[in-house]
Amino acid sequence: MLSNLSIKNYAIIKNLDISLSSGFCVLTGETGAGKSIIMGALTLILGQRADTSVIKDQNKKCIIEGKFSVEHNETLKLLFEENDLDYELPVILRREITPSGKSRAFVNDTPVQLNIIREIGLYLIDIHSQHSNLELGNRKFQLNVIDWYCSNTNLLDKYSRLFSKWKQLEKQYDELNEKKLQTNADIDYYEFQYKQLSEANLTSLEQSELESEQELLSHSEEIKAGLIQVNQLLDGEEFDALTRLKDATFVLQKLTSFLPAASELHKRLESQFIELRDVAQECEQLAEKTEFDPSRLEFINDRLNTIYELQQKHRVSSIDELIMLRDEFEKKINEANSYDEDLEILKKAIEKQKGEVLSVAQNLHDKRALQVGPIASGITDYLKQLGMPNAVFNIEIKKKSLPGVDGADEVFFMFTANKGGKVEEINKVASGGELSRLMLAIKTVVAKSKALPAIIFDEIDSGISGEIASKMGVILEQMSKYMQVINITHLPQIASRANSHYLVFKNENETDTETSIRLLKNEERVLEIAKMLSSDKPHEAAIENARALMAK
């Protein structure tokens, strides 16, 4: 149950703090007193979005806090654990809105995201607003009514996971098939480019090696002549540098016996002689190996031209980049060849997943179909209690050709209020007053199955009066035996049935208007109900009538 509600700095509420009792509670007050404002504040702690326009004093933050006294609930506990929250009773929900527009949500003083406080609120309280009657014509709401009655939450969660995975697999299939079609359109291009690059037989260091060899072959005659010239200068017949060096070495050797410094000079010169002799020999050998090979040069030029053309064509600057391109084309060709296999695997996975979805959808259908009769019968019984003895309420359930997010069922609430009348969809035939009674009957039937700690009705009695209002009060009172029922009403017949009666009123002064609320004592209740029966200054007959209503 909602045991306490605190509202600070919200709309025309400065500071409101009210403790609510269990059972059947009513809130009454003049039009404009602030009943709907209290409801609006309550929806904020249940996850509704807000802006700074709700703040009364723009220099202070707005704070709404609700305390829910509930019994231990495993589903609620699991929800707390999934969101890393301490499961402590009572559950306290709080919203804070700053003048700058920043909004914060708390569960038991722990900051949470707005979607989390909204999800937790679904397990604590059901709010029926003045416009909720319009939901009756909504097929989604109609299906929810059956699922609430059948307690299908766990089965729906399982179905939702399977359905989501099925749709993900279908999306993957469509994306892969699109890639296949695109690749097939380009496959001829990929194969041509790959063939050209593959037939080139490119190797990583080939270009630099060929360019070096090209340089040698292009200057082979110049190189050979130079090497021969060096050899002749060092060891030739006309100018024999080595012979002269050898003679100089011999002279220095003779001097070593009487000139010590000549020994070091001899060693140095002898070392130079050996080095120059090796140079002369290597030049001779290189000259012999160096030959002009026009056919080899032509091959190298052709090969390099092929490489340069490929680089220019593909706008790259190295042979390694060409090799990478070749491998990429090969990869795309291989992928194209594997698409059919991958698509077949996905197709089988989709069929398997669809089978699981259909199986759970059938389970949902069976549970729903089994209960539509009892639901319709229960609603019809309550409609008769609410002054509609000839009402006929049926539920039609049809299977769709393809399952959707909620299963494979489509539900139709069929209704007529008149004897012999044509049974049609609710939104086509039900009047405003009939919608109110239908909604109360539906809420009453599913309330136990939904197993919420509290339910709030914001003027569900709209369009109702007289004896029907009295019967509606009886039903609300009966509902309050297994859950807290809070009802905002203008009808004395309903207010008189409550266990607790709260009056919402405005305090006005020269500069400000402020909404307040207080619990009425017995004689105050009599007077308030008498005012609802007559006027602000009720006569004695109205007071006696109020006492009689309360005595019932």
Protein backbone atom coordinates (compact mmCIF):
# COMPACT_ATOMS: atom_id res chain seq x y z
CA MET A 1 0.00 0.00 0.00
CA LEU A 2 0.95 3.64 -0.42
CA SER A 3 1.45 4.47 3.25
CA ASN A 4 2.83 8.00 2.92
CA LEU A 5 3.05 10.70 0.25
CA SER A 6 5.19 13.81 0.61
CA ILE A 7 5.08 16.65 -1.94
CA LYS A 8 7.22 19.78 -1.73
CA ASN A 9 7.29 22.78 -4.05
CA TYR A 10 5.09 21.25 -6.76
CA ALA A 11 2.56 23.38 -8.71
CA ILE A 12 0.36 25.03 -6.04
CA ILE A 13 1.59 22.65 -3.32
CA LYS A 14 4.17 24.14 -0.98
CA ASN A 15 4.52 21.34 1.52
CA LEU A 16 2.09 18.43 1.71
CA ASP A 17 2.65 15.31 3.79
CA ILE A 18 -0.10 12.75 4.24
CA SER A 19 -0.20 9.27 5.73
CA LEU A 20 -2.67 6.97 3.99
CA SER A 21 -4.44 4.03 5.57
CA SER A 22 -5.06 0.60 4.14
CA GLY A 23 -8.43 -0.47 2.76
CA PHE A 24 -10.71 1.95 0.92
CA CYS A 25 -9.59 5.60 0.91
CA VAL A 26 -11.34 8.47 -0.83
CA LEU A 27 -10.11 11.94 -1.72
CA THR A 28 -12.74 14.62 -2.17
CA GLY A 29 -12.71 18.36 -2.62
CA GLU A 30 -14.04 21.12 -4.78
CA THR A 31 -13.16 21.28 -8.44
CA GLY A 32 -9.76 22.98 -8.71
CA ALA A 33 -8.78 22.21 -5.13
CA GLY A 34 -5.75 20.25 -6.32
CA LYS A 35 -6.78 16.59 -6.42
CA SER A 36 -5.44 16.12 -9.93
CA ILE A 37 -2.28 17.99 -8.95
CA ILE A 38 -1.66 15.42 -6.22
CA MET A 39 -2.16 12.70 -8.80
CA GLY A 40 0.29 14.44 -11.14
CA ALA A 41 2.91 14.56 -8.39
CA LEU A 42 2.37 10.87 -7.69
CA THR A 43 2.97 9.96 -11.33
CA LEU A 44 6.40 11.59 -11.14
CA ILE A 45 7.66 9.03 -8.62
CA LEU A 46 6.32 6.37 -10.95
CA GLY A 47 8.56 7.51 -13.79
CA GLN A 48 6.64 10.21 -15.65
CA ARG A 49 8.78 12.92 -17.23
CA ALA A 50 8.68 16.44 -15.82
CA ASP A 51 10.06 19.90 -16.48
CA THR A 52 10.68 23.03 -14.45
CA SER A 53 7.15 24.30 -15.04
CA VAL A 54 5.97 22.10 -12.14
CA ILE A 55 8.19 23.94 -9.64
CA LYS A 56 6.28 26.39 -7.43
CA ASP A 57 9.27 28.35 -6.09
CA GLN A 58 11.89 28.57 -8.82
CA ASN A 59 14.62 29.11 -6.21
CA LYS A 60 14.09 25.68 -4.65
CA LYS A 61 13.93 22.14 -5.91
CA CYS A 62 10.76 20.09 -6.13
CA ILE A 63 10.71 16.85 -4.13
CA ILE A 64 8.08 14.09 -4.27
CA GLU A 65 8.46 10.99 -2.13
CA GLY A 66 6.21 7.96 -1.72
CA LYS A 67 6.56 5.21 0.85
CA PHE A 68 5.09 1.82 -0.08
CA SER A 69 4.50 -0.74 2.65
CA VAL A 70 4.41 -4.08 0.85
CA GLU A 71 4.72 -7.72 1.73
CA HIS A 72 7.77 -9.70 0.60
CA ASN A 73 7.58 -10.16 -3.16
CA GLU A 74 10.03 -12.46 -4.96
CA THR A 75 9.44 -10.82 -8.36
CA LEU A 76 10.05 -7.38 -6.91
CA LYS A 77 13.12 -8.65 -5.05
CA LEU A 78 14.52 -10.11 -8.28
CA LEU A 79 13.94 -6.77 -10.03
CA PHE A 80 15.93 -5.02 -7.28
CA GLU A 81 18.77 -7.54 -7.60
CA GLU A 82 18.89 -7.20 -11.40
CA ASN A 83 19.39 -3.45 -10.97
CA ASP A 84 21.93 -3.83 -8.14
CA LEU A 85 19.59 -2.31 -5.53
CA ASP A 86 19.21 -3.26 -1.89
CA TYR A 87 15.82 -4.87 -1.37
CA GLU A 88 14.53 -3.12 1.75
CA LEU A 89 10.95 -2.73 2.95
CA PRO A 90 9.19 -0.37 2.88
CA VAL A 91 10.07 0.70 -0.65
CA ILE A 92 10.67 4.45 -0.91
CA LEU A 93 10.53 6.16 -4.32
CA ARG A 94 11.68 9.77 -4.67
CA ARG A 95 12.00 12.33 -7.45
CA GLU A 96 13.86 15.62 -7.26
CA ILE A 97 13.62 18.34 -9.91
CA THR A 98 15.94 21.33 -9.70
CA PRO A 99 15.20 24.85 -11.04
CA SER A 100 17.87 24.23 -13.70
CA GLY A 101 15.76 21.36 -15.05
CA LYS A 102 17.87 18.50 -13.74
CA SER A 103 15.80 15.52 -12.61
CA ARG A 104 16.97 12.74 -10.29
CA ALA A 105 15.25 9.53 -9.24
CA PHE A 106 15.91 7.46 -6.11
CA VAL A 107 14.86 4.05 -4.84
CA ASN A 108 15.52 3.64 -1.12
CA ASP A 109 17.92 6.62 -1.35
CA THR A 110 19.92 5.01 -4.17
CA PRO A 111 20.09 7.07 -7.40
CA VAL A 112 18.57 5.21 -10.38
CA GLN A 113 17.67 5.82 -14.00
CA LEU A 114 14.10 6.93 -14.71
CA ASN A 115 13.24 3.68 -16.50
CA ILE A 116 14.14 1.69 -13.37
CA ILE A 117 11.87 3.65 -11.03
CA ARG A 118 9.14 3.33 -13.68
CA GLU A 119 9.55 -0.46 -13.83
CA ILE A 120 9.53 -0.82 -10.03
CA GLY A 121 6.42 1.38 -9.83
CA LEU A 122 4.54 -1.11 -12.03
CA TYR A 123 4.80 -3.64 -9.20
CA LEU A 124 3.60 -1.22 -6.52
CA ILE A 125 0.57 0.65 -7.75
CA ASP A 126 -1.91 0.90 -10.63
CA ILE A 127 -3.18 4.37 -11.50
CA HIS A 128 -6.43 4.75 -13.38
CA SER A 129 -6.64 8.33 -14.62
CA GLN A 130 -9.69 10.18 -15.91
CA HIS A 131 -8.67 9.36 -19.48
CA SER A 132 -7.90 5.66 -18.91
CA ASN A 133 -11.41 4.64 -19.94
CA LEU A 134 -10.36 5.40 -23.51
CA GLU A 135 -7.87 2.52 -23.25
CA LEU A 136 -10.77 0.08 -23.33
CA GLY A 137 -10.88 0.31 -27.12
CA ASN A 138 -7.16 -0.32 -27.40
CA ARG A 139 -6.37 -3.89 -28.51
CA LYS A 140 -3.06 -3.84 -26.63
CA PHE A 141 -4.85 -2.96 -23.38
CA GLN A 142 -7.46 -5.66 -24.01
CA LEU A 143 -4.73 -8.26 -24.47
CA ASN A 144 -2.99 -7.01 -21.32
CA VAL A 145 -6.21 -7.54 -19.34
CA ILE A 146 -6.22 -11.22 -20.27
CA ASP A 147 -2.50 -11.60 -19.53
CA TRP A 148 -2.89 -9.93 -16.13
CA TYR A 149 -5.73 -12.28 -15.29
CA CYS A 150 -3.72 -15.32 -16.50
CA SER A 151 -0.54 -14.17 -14.69
CA ASN A 152 1.36 -14.52 -17.96
CA THR A 153 4.29 -12.28 -16.96
CA ASN A 154 6.96 -15.01 -16.94
CA LEU A 155 5.64 -16.67 -20.09
CA LEU A 156 5.53 -13.29 -21.86
CA ASP A 157 9.12 -12.57 -20.80
CA LYS A 158 10.20 -15.91 -22.28
CA TYR A 159 8.25 -15.24 -25.45
CA SER A 160 9.70 -11.73 -25.75
CA ARG A 161 13.27 -13.06 -25.59
CA LEU A 162 12.57 -15.74 -28.21
CA PHE A 163 10.73 -13.30 -30.48
CA SER A 164 13.54 -10.73 -30.23
CA LYS A 165 16.16 -13.34 -31.16
CA TRP A 166 14.01 -14.52 -34.07
CA LYS A 167 13.77 -10.98 -35.44
CA GLN A 168 17.53 -10.47 -34.96
CA LEU A 169 18.24 -13.61 -36.99
CA GLU A 170 15.89 -12.42 -39.73
CA LYS A 171 17.67 -9.07 -39.77
CA GLN A 172 21.06 -10.80 -40.05
CA TYR A 173 19.71 -12.89 -42.93
CA ASP A 174 18.43 -9.82 -44.77
CA GLU A 175 21.70 -7.95 -44.26
CA LEU A 176 23.79 -10.92 -45.43
CA ASN A 177 21.54 -11.47 -48.43
CA GLU A 178 21.89 -7.79 -49.33
CA LYS A 179 25.68 -8.15 -49.12
CA LYS A 180 25.47 -11.22 -51.32
CA LEU A 181 23.45 -9.37 -53.97
CA GLN A 182 25.86 -6.44 -53.86
CA THR A 183 28.87 -8.75 -54.08
CA ASN A 184 27.36 -10.70 -56.94
CA ALA A 185 27.00 -7.44 -58.82
CA ASP A 186 30.73 -6.75 -58.29
CA ILE A 187 32.09 -10.29 -58.50
CA ASP A 188 33.20 -10.01 -62.16
CA TYR A 189 35.19 -6.89 -61.28
CA TYR A 190 36.78 -8.60 -58.25
CA GLU A 191 37.69 -11.70 -60.25
CA PHE A 192 39.26 -9.66 -63.08
CA GLN A 193 41.36 -7.57 -60.71
CA TYR A 194 42.39 -10.61 -58.69
CA LYS A 195 43.36 -12.54 -61.82
CA GLN A 196 45.50 -9.66 -63.09
CA LEU A 197 47.28 -9.20 -59.77
CA SER A 198 47.63 -12.93 -59.20
CA GLU A 199 49.10 -13.57 -62.65
CA ALA A 200 51.68 -10.84 -61.99
CA ASN A 201 53.25 -13.19 -59.36
CA LEU A 202 54.32 -10.28 -57.20
CA THR A 203 56.83 -10.74 -54.36
CA SER A 204 57.57 -8.29 -51.62
CA LEU A 205 61.23 -7.30 -52.41
CA GLU A 206 61.04 -7.90 -56.16
CA GLN A 207 60.71 -4.27 -57.20
CA SER A 208 63.77 -2.99 -55.34
CA GLU A 209 65.86 -5.94 -56.57
CA LEU A 210 64.78 -5.44 -60.16
CA GLU A 211 65.45 -1.72 -60.03
CA SER A 212 68.97 -2.39 -58.73
CA GLU A 213 69.65 -4.97 -61.45
CA GLN A 214 68.23 -2.61 -64.07
CA GLU A 215 70.66 0.05 -62.93
CA LEU A 216 73.59 -2.35 -63.28
CA LEU A 217 72.61 -3.66 -66.71
CA SER A 218 71.91 -0.18 -68.04
CA HIS A 219 75.52 0.87 -67.19
CA SER A 220 77.27 -2.48 -67.66
CA GLU A 221 79.72 -1.27 -70.35
CA GLU A 222 80.69 1.79 -68.31
CA ILE A 223 81.14 -0.38 -65.21
CA LYS A 224 83.28 -2.98 -67.04
CA ALA A 225 85.55 -0.31 -68.56
CA GLY A 226 86.03 1.38 -65.24
CA LEU A 227 86.92 -1.83 -63.45
CA ILE A 228 89.48 -2.76 -66.15
CA GLN A 229 91.00 0.72 -65.94
CA VAL A 230 91.37 0.43 -62.16
CA ASN A 231 93.03 -2.98 -62.54
CA GLN A 232 95.47 -1.61 -65.18
CA LEU A 233 96.40 1.35 -63.04
CA LEU A 234 97.18 -0.90 -60.12
CA ASP A 235 98.69 -3.92 -61.84
CA GLY A 236 99.06 -3.10 -65.55
CA GLU A 237 102.05 -3.40 -67.83
CA GLU A 238 102.38 0.30 -68.65
CA PHE A 239 101.84 1.67 -65.16
CA ASP A 240 102.39 -0.89 -62.45
CA ALA A 241 101.55 0.74 -59.13
CA LEU A 242 101.82 -2.52 -57.23
CA THR A 243 105.35 -3.24 -58.46
CA ARG A 244 106.47 0.20 -57.37
CA LEU A 245 104.80 -0.29 -53.99
CA LYS A 246 106.55 -3.62 -53.65
CA ASP A 247 109.88 -2.01 -54.42
CA ALA A 248 109.25 0.71 -51.86
CA THR A 249 108.37 -1.95 -49.31
CA PHE A 250 111.66 -3.76 -50.03
CA VAL A 251 113.66 -0.53 -49.57
CA LEU A 252 112.01 0.17 -46.21
CA GLN A 253 112.73 -3.39 -45.09
CA LYS A 254 116.47 -2.88 -45.72
CA LEU A 255 116.40 0.32 -43.67
CA THR A 256 114.90 -1.34 -40.61
CA SER A 257 118.28 -2.73 -39.49
CA PHE A 258 119.63 0.75 -38.80
CA LEU A 259 116.50 2.93 -38.77
CA PRO A 260 113.93 1.70 -36.19
CA ALA A 261 111.20 4.03 -37.52
CA ALA A 262 111.47 2.32 -40.90
CA SER A 263 110.03 -0.90 -39.38
CA GLU A 264 106.65 0.70 -38.68
CA LEU A 265 106.60 2.37 -42.09
CA HIS A 266 107.42 -0.97 -43.72
CA LYS A 267 104.50 -2.66 -41.99
CA ARG A 268 102.09 0.05 -42.99
CA LEU A 269 103.19 0.08 -46.60
CA GLU A 270 103.14 -3.71 -46.79
CA SER A 271 99.55 -3.66 -45.49
CA GLN A 272 98.58 -1.13 -48.16
CA PHE A 273 100.26 -3.24 -50.83
CA ILE A 274 98.24 -6.29 -49.82
CA GLU A 275 94.97 -4.29 -49.77
CA LEU A 276 95.61 -2.69 -53.19
CA ARG A 277 96.56 -6.06 -54.69
CA ASP A 278 93.20 -7.44 -53.46
CA VAL A 279 91.40 -4.45 -54.95
CA ALA A 280 93.11 -5.00 -58.30
CA GLN A 281 92.16 -8.70 -58.30
CA GLU A 282 88.52 -8.02 -57.34
CA CYS A 283 88.23 -5.36 -60.06
CA GLU A 284 89.58 -7.89 -62.58
CA GLN A 285 87.09 -10.54 -61.41
CA LEU A 286 84.13 -8.12 -61.45
CA ALA A 287 85.11 -6.94 -64.91
CA GLU A 288 85.08 -10.53 -66.13
CA LYS A 289 81.59 -11.10 -64.63
CA THR A 290 80.14 -7.86 -65.92
CA GLU A 291 78.51 -8.44 -69.26
CA PHE A 292 75.84 -6.51 -71.15
CA ASP A 293 72.73 -8.71 -71.42
CA PRO A 294 70.12 -6.95 -73.57
CA SER A 295 67.55 -9.75 -73.27
CA ARG A 296 67.76 -9.67 -69.44
CA LEU A 297 67.50 -5.87 -69.45
CA GLU A 298 64.46 -6.06 -71.73
CA PHE A 299 62.83 -8.59 -69.35
CA ILE A 300 63.51 -6.37 -66.34
CA ASN A 301 62.16 -3.29 -68.09
CA ASP A 302 58.98 -5.16 -69.06
CA ARG A 303 58.58 -6.53 -65.57
CA LEU A 304 59.01 -3.13 -63.95
CA ASN A 305 56.63 -1.55 -66.44
CA THR A 306 54.01 -4.12 -65.40
CA ILE A 307 54.55 -3.28 -61.73
CA TYR A 308 54.47 0.49 -62.38
CA GLU A 309 51.27 0.19 -64.41
CA LEU A 310 49.57 -1.82 -61.65
CA GLN A 311 50.66 0.73 -59.03
CA GLN A 312 49.35 3.60 -61.12
CA LYS A 313 46.09 1.78 -61.88
CA HIS A 314 45.36 1.04 -58.22
CA ARG A 315 46.84 4.31 -56.96
CA VAL A 316 49.40 2.76 -54.63
CA SER A 317 53.14 3.35 -54.29
CA SER A 318 54.55 -0.05 -53.32
CA ILE A 319 54.42 -3.68 -54.34
CA ASP A 320 53.33 -4.63 -50.81
CA GLU A 321 50.18 -2.55 -51.27
CA LEU A 322 49.47 -4.38 -54.52
CA ILE A 323 49.82 -7.70 -52.72
CA MET A 324 47.38 -6.48 -50.03
CA LEU A 325 44.89 -5.51 -52.74
CA ARG A 326 45.23 -8.91 -54.36
CA ASP A 327 44.52 -10.61 -51.02
CA GLU A 328 41.49 -8.37 -50.43
CA PHE A 329 40.03 -9.26 -53.83
CA GLU A 330 40.61 -12.92 -53.06
CA LYS A 331 38.87 -12.52 -49.71
CA LYS A 332 35.84 -10.89 -51.32
CA ILE A 333 35.65 -13.66 -53.89
CA ASN A 334 35.82 -16.29 -51.14
CA GLU A 335 33.16 -14.44 -49.13
CA ALA A 336 30.89 -14.35 -52.14
CA ASN A 337 31.31 -18.08 -52.53
CA SER A 338 30.50 -18.64 -48.82
CA TYR A 339 27.36 -16.45 -48.71
CA ASP A 340 25.08 -19.25 -49.87
CA GLU A 341 26.38 -21.57 -47.16
CA ASP A 342 26.06 -18.91 -44.45
CA LEU A 343 22.58 -17.96 -45.64
CA GLU A 344 21.49 -21.59 -45.49
CA ILE A 345 22.80 -21.87 -41.92
CA LEU A 346 20.92 -18.69 -40.96
CA LYS A 347 17.78 -19.92 -42.68
CA LYS A 348 17.81 -23.11 -40.61
CA ALA A 349 18.45 -21.11 -37.42
CA ILE A 350 15.50 -18.82 -38.28
CA GLU A 351 13.19 -21.77 -38.86
CA LYS A 352 14.24 -23.33 -35.56
CA GLN A 353 13.80 -20.05 -33.69
CA LYS A 354 10.45 -19.43 -35.35
CA GLY A 355 9.36 -22.88 -34.21
CA GLU A 356 10.22 -22.02 -30.60
CA VAL A 357 8.39 -18.69 -30.92
CA LEU A 358 5.29 -20.40 -32.31
CA SER A 359 5.43 -23.02 -29.58
CA VAL A 360 5.42 -20.42 -26.79
CA ALA A 361 2.85 -18.36 -28.71
CA GLN A 362 0.63 -21.44 -28.72
CA ASN A 363 1.11 -21.84 -24.96
CA LEU A 364 0.07 -18.21 -24.54
CA HIS A 365 -2.93 -18.74 -26.78
CA ASP A 366 -4.02 -21.83 -24.86
CA LYS A 367 -3.80 -20.03 -21.51
CA ARG A 368 -5.60 -16.98 -22.84
CA ALA A 369 -8.32 -18.97 -24.59
CA LEU A 370 -8.93 -20.99 -21.43
CA GLN A 371 -9.63 -17.85 -19.39
CA VAL A 372 -11.57 -15.59 -21.76
CA GLY A 373 -14.80 -17.27 -20.65
CA PRO A 374 -14.26 -16.76 -16.89
CA ILE A 375 -13.04 -13.18 -17.49
CA ALA A 376 -16.09 -12.29 -19.60
CA SER A 377 -18.41 -13.97 -17.10
CA GLY A 378 -16.86 -12.11 -14.16
CA ILE A 379 -17.07 -8.76 -15.94
CA THR A 380 -20.69 -9.42 -16.92
CA ASP A 381 -21.58 -10.23 -13.30
CA TYR A 382 -20.08 -6.93 -12.11
CA LEU A 383 -21.89 -5.03 -14.87
CA LYS A 384 -25.17 -6.43 -13.61
CA GLN A 385 -24.29 -5.27 -10.10
CA LEU A 386 -23.61 -1.86 -11.59
CA GLY A 387 -27.13 -1.53 -12.95
CA MET A 388 -26.70 -3.11 -16.38
CA PRO A 389 -28.87 -6.26 -16.10
CA ASN A 390 -29.06 -6.78 -19.86
CA ALA A 391 -25.38 -6.19 -20.55
CA VAL A 392 -23.58 -8.74 -22.69
CA PHE A 393 -19.78 -8.79 -22.59
CA ASN A 394 -17.80 -11.24 -24.70
CA ILE A 395 -14.16 -11.66 -25.55
CA GLU A 396 -13.18 -12.87 -28.99
CA ILE A 397 -9.67 -14.16 -29.46
CA LYS A 398 -8.29 -14.77 -32.95
CA LYS A 399 -4.93 -16.06 -34.10
CA LYS A 400 -2.93 -13.81 -36.41
CA SER A 401 -1.21 -15.14 -39.51
CA LEU A 402 2.17 -14.13 -38.06
CA PRO A 403 3.11 -13.74 -34.39
CA GLY A 404 3.84 -10.25 -33.09
CA VAL A 405 5.59 -8.84 -30.04
CA ASP A 406 2.80 -10.04 -27.71
CA GLY A 407 2.15 -13.43 -29.29
CA ALA A 408 -0.03 -14.64 -32.11
CA ASP A 409 -3.36 -13.48 -30.69
CA GLU A 410 -5.65 -10.58 -31.42
CA VAL A 411 -8.32 -9.79 -28.84
CA PHE A 412 -11.67 -8.05 -29.29
CA PHE A 413 -13.81 -6.85 -26.35
CA MET A 414 -17.42 -7.11 -27.55
CA PHE A 415 -20.27 -5.41 -25.71
CA THR A 416 -23.87 -4.33 -25.71
CA ALA A 417 -25.79 -2.76 -22.85
CA ASN A 418 -29.24 -3.41 -24.26
CA LYS A 419 -31.36 -6.52 -24.33
CA GLY A 420 -31.33 -7.94 -27.82
CA GLY A 421 -28.74 -5.37 -28.88
CA LYS A 422 -26.05 -6.15 -31.41
CA VAL A 423 -22.79 -7.11 -29.75
CA GLU A 424 -20.03 -4.90 -31.19
CA GLU A 425 -16.57 -3.69 -30.26
CA ILE A 426 -16.57 -1.59 -27.10
CA ASN A 427 -15.27 1.61 -28.66
CA LYS A 428 -18.16 1.59 -31.15
CA VAL A 429 -21.12 1.18 -28.77
CA ALA A 430 -20.21 2.07 -25.15
CA SER A 431 -21.17 5.50 -23.75
CA GLY A 432 -19.07 7.44 -21.24
CA GLY A 433 -20.97 6.13 -18.21
CA GLU A 434 -20.88 2.60 -19.57
CA LEU A 435 -17.12 2.84 -20.15
CA SER A 436 -16.64 3.84 -16.50
CA ARG A 437 -18.61 0.83 -15.30
CA LEU A 438 -16.86 -1.47 -17.76
CA MET A 439 -13.44 -0.28 -16.61
CA LEU A 440 -14.31 -0.77 -12.94
CA ALA A 441 -15.63 -4.25 -13.68
CA ILE A 442 -12.46 -5.13 -15.60
CA LYS A 443 -10.15 -3.69 -12.95
CA THR A 444 -12.04 -5.60 -10.25
CA VAL A 445 -11.81 -8.90 -12.10
CA VAL A 446 -8.07 -8.65 -12.80
CA ALA A 447 -7.07 -6.93 -9.54
CA LYS A 448 -6.46 -10.13 -7.60
CA SER A 449 -4.49 -11.73 -10.43
CA LYS A 450 -2.37 -8.64 -10.94
CA ALA A 451 -1.66 -8.72 -7.19
CA LEU A 452 -0.68 -5.07 -6.78
CA PRO A 453 -0.47 -3.53 -3.30
CA ALA A 454 -2.54 -0.49 -4.32
CA ILE A 455 -4.78 0.93 -7.01
CA ILE A 456 -5.82 4.54 -7.55
CA PHE A 457 -8.97 5.58 -9.41
CA ASP A 458 -9.11 9.19 -10.53
CA GLU A 459 -12.86 9.79 -10.96
CA ILE A 460 -13.69 6.38 -12.40
CA ASP A 461 -17.25 7.31 -11.43
CA SER A 462 -17.42 9.95 -14.18
CA GLY A 463 -20.89 9.90 -15.73
CA ILE A 464 -22.32 7.85 -12.84
CA SER A 465 -24.92 8.88 -10.28
CA GLY A 466 -27.70 7.64 -8.02
CA GLU A 467 -28.10 3.96 -7.26
CA ILE A 468 -25.37 2.96 -9.74
CA ALA A 469 -22.90 5.14 -7.82
CA SER A 470 -23.88 3.34 -4.63
CA LYS A 471 -23.29 -0.03 -6.24
CA MET A 472 -19.95 1.17 -7.56
CA GLY A 473 -19.02 2.15 -4.02
CA VAL A 474 -19.86 -1.36 -2.84
CA ILE A 475 -17.59 -2.91 -5.46
CA LEU A 476 -14.72 -0.55 -4.59
CA GLU A 477 -15.21 -1.41 -0.93
CA GLN A 478 -15.09 -5.14 -1.74
CA MET A 479 -11.94 -4.66 -3.80
CA SER A 480 -10.27 -2.91 -0.85
CA LYS A 481 -10.46 -6.12 1.20
CA TYR A 482 -7.43 -7.51 -0.63
CA MET A 483 -5.65 -4.33 -1.78
CA GLN A 484 -5.51 -0.63 -0.95
CA VAL A 485 -8.01 1.32 -3.05
CA ILE A 486 -7.63 5.10 -3.34
CA ASN A 487 -10.46 6.85 -5.17
CA ILE A 488 -10.80 10.49 -6.14
CA THR A 489 -14.52 11.14 -6.32
CA HIS A 490 -17.30 13.74 -6.35
CA LEU A 491 -19.99 11.25 -5.44
CA PRO A 492 -21.28 11.02 -1.84
CA GLN A 493 -22.48 7.46 -2.41
CA ILE A 494 -18.88 6.36 -3.00
CA ALA A 495 -17.26 8.63 -0.40
CA SER A 496 -19.56 7.26 2.31
CA ARG A 497 -18.24 3.72 1.72
CA ALA A 498 -14.61 4.57 2.46
CA ASN A 499 -12.65 3.48 5.50
CA SER A 500 -10.72 6.75 5.35
CA HIS A 501 -11.80 10.08 3.92
CA TYR A 502 -9.29 12.78 2.94
CA LEU A 503 -10.28 16.32 2.04
CA VAL A 504 -8.25 18.26 -0.51
CA PHE A 505 -8.65 22.02 -0.16
CA LYS A 506 -7.03 25.35 -1.04
CA ASN A 507 -5.71 27.99 1.32
CA GLU A 508 -5.70 31.43 -0.27
CA ASN A 509 -4.24 34.74 0.86
CA GLU A 510 -3.52 38.03 -0.87
CA THR A 511 -0.41 36.74 -2.65
CA ASP A 512 -0.59 32.98 -2.84
CA THR A 513 -2.75 29.87 -3.22
CA GLU A 514 -1.73 26.58 -1.66
CA THR A 515 -3.23 23.08 -1.79
CA SER A 516 -3.49 21.04 1.42
CA ILE A 517 -4.99 17.72 2.45
CA ARG A 518 -6.19 16.30 5.77
CA LEU A 519 -7.87 13.20 7.12
CA LEU A 520 -11.45 13.88 8.18
CA LYS A 521 -12.80 12.73 11.51
CA ASN A 522 -16.27 11.19 11.77
CA GLU A 523 -18.37 14.38 12.14
CA GLU A 524 -16.21 16.15 9.58
CA ARG A 525 -16.94 13.33 7.15
CA VAL A 526 -20.68 13.67 7.77
CA LEU A 527 -20.49 17.39 7.00
CA GLU A 528 -18.34 16.89 3.87
CA ILE A 529 -20.66 14.21 2.47
CA ALA A 530 -23.65 16.44 3.25
CA LYS A 531 -21.98 19.22 1.23
CA MET A 532 -21.52 16.78 -1.63
CA LEU A 533 -25.25 15.99 -1.39
CA SER A 534 -26.44 19.61 -1.32
CA SER A 535 -24.28 22.71 -0.99
CA ASP A 536 -21.50 24.37 0.98
CA LYS A 537 -24.04 25.06 3.74
CA PRO A 538 -25.99 21.79 3.93
CA HIS A 539 -29.39 21.74 5.56
CA GLU A 540 -30.34 19.26 8.24
CA ALA A 541 -31.93 16.83 5.79
CA ALA A 542 -28.66 16.59 3.84
CA ILE A 543 -26.74 15.93 7.08
CA GLU A 544 -29.17 13.19 8.06
CA ASN A 545 -28.92 11.73 4.58
CA ALA A 546 -25.14 11.74 4.92
CA ARG A 547 -25.40 9.90 8.23
CA ALA A 548 -27.68 7.34 6.60
CA LEU A 549 -25.27 6.79 3.74
CA MET A 550 -22.39 6.27 6.15
CA ALA A 551 -24.49 3.94 8.30
CA LYS A 552 -24.83 1.57 5.37
